[in-house]
Amino acid sequence: MHFSSTASPNKALQPTGASRPRLSLGVGPQEINVSEKQCPKCSLYNPPSALRCDCGFDFASGEVKDSYLSEPKAKTFHVLWLYLVGLFLVGSSAAVLIPAAAGQSSNPQSGIGVLIWSMLFFYLLWKRKKRKGWHGTLIGVAVCFLIQFGVGLIGAMMRHS
């Protein structure tokens, strides 16, 4: 069998005929004879000393194991951060809601805290769901405005009663 890479630079080496495996290096007319073993799973030619194919096929056992070409594992997301930020979000929301429920005005910095913790919480929740982009942060901003609107309504109701 003869392998040639002259057909297309983007295609894998394709067999073109002949009886024994030969590999064309594409650097000139010389060719290297290589005695290779072909993987029954992906048809890739491997060196005679190969124990496993790149696709994961184990030549000794005949079983498919983990591929050498698999994607590197992404960093694991620690749920602890989500819980911690959620705790701060609840605390900052309480710092806004409790004075409003008592008919008092709240500290304006508490509203900023709700905004920041809400944005961060929903961003982390968005990433936890393995979604891309900043949509979680925008959801956090919307939730913060809903909380602030609710606080304003509660404060107004408590002041008028």
Protein backbone atom coordinates (compact mmCIF):
# COMPACT_ATOMS: atom_id res chain seq x y z
CA MET A 1 0.00 0.00 0.00
CA HIS A 2 1.30 3.48 -0.83
CA PHE A 3 0.47 6.60 1.14
CA SER A 4 0.60 9.99 -0.45
CA SER A 5 0.05 13.44 1.01
CA THR A 6 0.08 15.23 -2.35
CA ALA A 7 -3.71 15.13 -2.88
CA SER A 8 -4.67 17.72 -0.28
CA PRO A 9 -2.82 19.15 2.70
CA ASN A 10 -5.99 18.98 4.82
CA LYS A 11 -6.72 15.31 4.24
CA ALA A 12 -5.16 12.40 6.09
CA LEU A 13 -2.76 10.13 4.24
CA GLN A 14 -4.85 7.94 1.95
CA PRO A 15 -3.92 4.51 0.54
CA THR A 16 -3.34 4.64 -3.23
CA GLY A 17 -2.38 1.04 -4.10
CA ALA A 18 0.72 -1.25 -3.80
CA SER A 19 1.04 -4.23 -1.47
CA ARG A 20 3.15 -3.12 1.51
CA PRO A 21 2.83 0.00 3.66
CA ARG A 22 5.10 2.82 2.55
CA LEU A 23 5.00 6.38 3.70
CA SER A 24 5.72 9.38 1.50
CA LEU A 25 7.25 12.20 3.51
CA GLY A 26 6.53 14.78 0.85
CA VAL A 27 10.17 15.99 0.78
CA GLY A 28 11.29 14.30 -2.38
CA PRO A 29 11.15 11.12 -4.37
CA GLN A 30 12.46 8.91 -1.55
CA GLU A 31 9.98 6.84 0.45
CA ILE A 32 10.37 5.06 3.75
CA ASN A 33 9.17 1.49 4.11
CA VAL A 34 7.40 1.14 7.42
CA SER A 35 5.95 -2.07 8.73
CA GLU A 36 2.89 -0.78 10.57
CA LYS A 37 -0.18 -2.27 12.19
CA GLN A 38 -3.56 -0.90 11.28
CA CYS A 39 -6.13 -0.13 13.97
CA PRO A 40 -9.36 -2.08 13.42
CA LYS A 41 -11.41 0.73 14.96
CA CYS A 42 -10.20 3.85 13.13
CA SER A 43 -7.94 2.35 10.40
CA LEU A 44 -4.98 4.46 11.54
CA TYR A 45 -1.56 2.93 10.86
CA ASN A 46 0.52 2.64 14.03
CA PRO A 47 4.18 1.73 14.61
CA PRO A 48 4.80 -1.99 15.22
CA SER A 49 5.75 -1.27 18.83
CA ALA A 50 2.49 0.59 19.60
CA LEU A 51 0.45 -0.82 22.48
CA ARG A 52 -2.53 1.46 21.84
CA CYS A 53 -3.85 3.49 18.96
CA ASP A 54 -4.47 7.23 19.33
CA CYS A 55 -8.22 6.52 19.21
CA GLY A 56 -7.89 4.38 22.37
CA PHE A 57 -7.93 0.88 20.87
CA ASP A 58 -5.69 -1.47 22.90
CA PHE A 59 -3.96 -3.93 20.56
CA ALA A 60 -3.24 -6.46 23.33
CA SER A 61 -6.75 -6.75 24.78
CA GLY A 62 -8.73 -5.72 21.70
CA GLU A 63 -10.75 -3.24 23.79
CA VAL A 64 -11.25 0.48 23.37
CA LYS A 65 -9.87 2.52 26.27
CA ASP A 66 -9.44 6.26 26.76
CA SER A 67 -8.13 8.06 23.73
CA TYR A 68 -4.77 9.78 23.88
CA LEU A 69 -6.32 12.59 21.85
CA SER A 70 -9.17 13.45 24.22
CA GLU A 71 -9.79 17.04 25.21
CA PRO A 72 -8.12 18.14 28.43
CA LYS A 73 -10.56 18.19 31.31
CA ALA A 74 -11.88 21.61 32.18
CA LYS A 75 -11.33 22.95 35.64
CA THR A 76 -13.99 21.76 38.00
CA PHE A 77 -16.37 24.35 39.31
CA HIS A 78 -16.51 24.41 43.05
CA VAL A 79 -20.07 24.76 44.28
CA LEU A 80 -18.71 26.21 47.50
CA TRP A 81 -18.15 29.56 45.74
CA LEU A 82 -21.75 29.58 44.58
CA TYR A 83 -23.00 28.89 48.10
CA LEU A 84 -20.72 31.52 49.62
CA VAL A 85 -21.77 34.23 47.16
CA GLY A 86 -25.41 33.17 47.63
CA LEU A 87 -24.99 33.65 51.36
CA PHE A 88 -23.64 37.17 50.82
CA LEU A 89 -26.54 37.88 48.43
CA VAL A 90 -29.06 36.82 51.09
CA GLY A 91 -27.25 38.94 53.70
CA SER A 92 -27.12 42.05 51.55
CA SER A 93 -30.77 41.58 50.54
CA ALA A 94 -31.70 41.31 54.22
CA ALA A 95 -29.78 44.53 54.90
CA VAL A 96 -32.11 46.23 52.43
CA LEU A 97 -35.37 44.44 53.23
CA ILE A 98 -35.31 44.58 57.05
CA PRO A 99 -35.16 48.40 57.31
CA ALA A 100 -37.81 48.67 54.58
CA ALA A 101 -40.09 46.31 56.51
CA ALA A 102 -39.60 48.46 59.61
CA GLY A 103 -40.58 51.58 57.64
CA GLN A 104 -37.08 53.02 57.71
CA SER A 105 -34.90 54.02 54.82
CA SER A 106 -32.02 51.68 54.07
CA ASN A 107 -28.41 52.53 53.52
CA PRO A 108 -27.82 53.25 49.79
CA GLN A 109 -24.62 51.18 49.90
CA SER A 110 -26.72 48.12 50.74
CA GLY A 111 -28.42 48.44 47.35
CA ILE A 112 -25.03 48.43 45.65
CA GLY A 113 -24.10 45.33 47.64
CA VAL A 114 -27.26 43.58 46.42
CA LEU A 115 -26.36 44.54 42.86
CA ILE A 116 -22.79 43.24 43.08
CA TRP A 117 -23.64 39.97 44.88
CA SER A 118 -26.63 39.35 42.63
CA MET A 119 -24.53 39.82 39.49
CA LEU A 120 -21.79 37.55 40.82
CA PHE A 121 -24.20 34.87 42.04
CA PHE A 122 -26.06 34.59 38.74
CA TYR A 123 -22.82 34.73 36.76
CA LEU A 124 -21.46 31.77 38.77
CA LEU A 125 -24.78 29.95 38.45
CA TRP A 126 -24.65 30.51 34.67
CA LYS A 127 -21.13 29.05 34.55
CA ARG A 128 -22.22 26.14 36.76
CA LYS A 129 -24.80 25.27 34.10
CA LYS A 130 -21.88 25.27 31.60
CA ARG A 131 -23.24 28.13 29.57
CA LYS A 132 -21.11 30.74 27.89
CA GLY A 133 -21.33 34.50 27.93
CA TRP A 134 -22.36 37.11 30.42
CA HIS A 135 -26.09 36.41 30.34
CA GLY A 136 -26.00 35.26 33.96
CA THR A 137 -24.71 38.67 35.00
CA LEU A 138 -27.55 40.36 33.13
CA ILE A 139 -30.02 38.08 34.89
CA GLY A 140 -28.39 39.12 38.19
CA VAL A 141 -28.90 42.80 37.35
CA ALA A 142 -32.57 42.13 36.55
CA VAL A 143 -33.03 40.24 39.84
CA CYS A 144 -31.38 43.11 41.72
CA PHE A 145 -33.78 45.61 40.18
CA LEU A 146 -36.70 43.37 41.13
CA ILE A 147 -35.40 43.23 44.71
CA GLN A 148 -34.96 47.01 44.81
CA PHE A 149 -38.45 47.52 43.38
CA GLY A 150 -39.88 45.16 46.00
CA VAL A 151 -37.99 46.99 48.75
CA GLY A 152 -39.42 50.30 47.52
CA LEU A 153 -42.96 48.90 47.55
CA ILE A 154 -42.55 47.40 51.01
CA GLY A 155 -41.04 50.63 52.35
CA ALA A 156 -43.84 52.73 50.88
CA MET A 157 -46.51 50.41 52.28
CA MET A 158 -44.93 50.40 55.74
CA ARG A 159 -44.61 54.20 55.83
CA HIS A 160 -48.25 54.74 54.89
CA SER A 161 -49.60 52.32 57.49
